[in-house]
Amino acid sequence: MSWELGSLEYPDSFREARPYILERDYYACVKCDSEESPVVHHIDYNKQNSSIFNLCVLCHTCNAKAELEENRLAWPVELSAYTSRLDVVRRVLIGIHK
């Protein structure tokens, strides 16, 4: 099954994870802290990868910048501080805390 948002197709797992991600990130952009027009962004750009560790909230403006083809290599680096925090959470959850 899949879910359509605009013209893009997302798996049901994204639809299920989306409300959790918005809440987890306090409906605020993890890049600029804006609470205007929050969207859930796939950090690795793979729309089929709806792991909670691959999703974050961006405001509409930051998401538009992240989606530009010329920014696709830079944005995972831009979000590295955020993804580092997610990695710590992941390690704790699976019991690999070092």
Protein backbone atom coordinates (compact mmCIF):
# COMPACT_ATOMS: atom_id res chain seq x y z
CA MET A 1 0.00 0.00 0.00
CA SER A 2 1.07 3.57 -0.49
CA TRP A 3 -0.02 7.08 0.33
CA GLU A 4 0.05 10.06 -1.99
CA LEU A 5 1.11 13.52 -0.90
CA GLY A 6 0.81 15.86 -3.84
CA SER A 7 2.21 13.96 -6.79
CA LEU A 8 4.68 11.91 -4.72
CA GLU A 9 3.89 8.45 -3.48
CA TYR A 10 4.90 7.47 0.05
CA PRO A 11 4.65 4.08 1.75
CA ASP A 12 2.08 3.59 4.50
CA SER A 13 4.95 3.48 7.00
CA PHE A 14 5.57 7.18 6.27
CA ARG A 15 1.91 8.04 6.87
CA GLU A 16 2.08 6.18 10.17
CA ALA A 17 5.40 7.75 11.26
CA ARG A 18 4.62 11.33 10.20
CA PRO A 19 2.49 12.38 13.23
CA TYR A 20 5.07 10.86 15.60
CA ILE A 21 7.94 12.74 13.92
CA LEU A 22 6.07 16.05 14.06
CA GLU A 23 5.45 15.52 17.76
CA ARG A 24 8.96 14.25 18.50
CA ASP A 25 10.50 17.33 16.89
CA TYR A 26 7.94 19.65 18.54
CA TYR A 27 6.53 20.75 15.16
CA ALA A 28 9.69 22.86 14.73
CA CYS A 29 12.33 22.83 12.02
CA VAL A 30 15.44 21.01 13.25
CA LYS A 31 17.57 23.39 11.15
CA CYS A 32 16.20 26.86 11.98
CA ASP A 33 13.64 26.23 14.79
CA SER A 34 10.80 27.78 12.79
CA GLU A 35 7.35 26.43 13.58
CA GLU A 36 5.88 27.73 10.30
CA SER A 37 4.62 25.12 7.86
CA PRO A 38 6.38 22.05 9.30
CA VAL A 39 6.98 19.16 6.90
CA VAL A 40 8.52 15.75 7.51
CA HIS A 41 11.74 15.32 5.52
CA HIS A 42 13.57 12.10 4.53
CA ILE A 43 17.19 12.76 5.52
CA ASP A 44 18.60 10.29 2.98
CA TYR A 45 16.07 11.39 0.30
CA ASN A 46 14.80 7.81 -0.02
CA LYS A 47 11.01 8.14 0.19
CA GLN A 48 10.74 4.41 0.91
CA ASN A 49 12.97 4.68 4.01
CA SER A 50 10.51 5.80 6.65
CA SER A 51 12.58 4.78 9.65
CA ILE A 52 12.05 7.24 12.50
CA PHE A 53 15.84 7.74 12.40
CA ASN A 54 15.64 8.90 8.78
CA LEU A 55 12.86 11.44 9.27
CA CYS A 56 12.96 14.94 10.71
CA VAL A 57 10.87 18.09 10.69
CA LEU A 58 11.89 20.97 8.45
CA CYS A 59 10.01 24.19 7.83
CA HIS A 60 8.71 24.72 4.31
CA THR A 61 11.62 27.06 3.49
CA CYS A 62 14.38 24.70 4.70
CA ASN A 63 12.66 21.75 3.04
CA ALA A 64 12.56 23.62 -0.26
CA LYS A 65 16.30 24.32 0.05
CA ALA A 66 17.00 20.69 0.99
CA GLU A 67 15.06 19.42 -2.02
CA LEU A 68 17.10 21.41 -4.54
CA GLU A 69 19.25 18.99 -6.54
CA GLU A 70 22.40 21.08 -5.97
CA ASN A 71 21.90 20.88 -2.18
CA ARG A 72 21.31 17.15 -1.89
CA LEU A 73 24.92 16.37 -0.95
CA ALA A 74 25.19 19.26 1.52
CA TRP A 75 21.96 18.83 3.48
CA PRO A 76 22.78 15.52 5.15
CA VAL A 77 25.92 17.31 6.44
CA GLU A 78 23.80 20.32 7.46
CA LEU A 79 21.64 17.96 9.50
CA SER A 80 24.56 16.00 10.98
CA ALA A 81 24.23 17.48 14.49
CA TYR A 82 20.60 16.39 14.52
CA THR A 83 21.34 12.93 13.12
CA SER A 84 24.13 12.48 15.70
CA ARG A 85 21.58 12.99 18.47
CA LEU A 86 19.28 10.47 16.77
CA ASP A 87 22.15 7.98 16.62
CA VAL A 88 22.63 8.25 20.40
CA VAL A 89 18.92 7.58 20.90
CA ARG A 90 19.10 4.61 18.52
CA ARG A 91 22.04 3.11 20.44
CA VAL A 92 20.27 3.47 23.75
CA LEU A 93 17.09 1.93 22.36
CA ILE A 94 18.89 -1.12 21.01
CA GLY A 95 21.19 -1.45 24.02
CA ILE A 96 24.51 -0.58 22.40
CA HIS A 97 25.18 2.40 24.63
CA LYS A 98 28.95 2.91 24.84
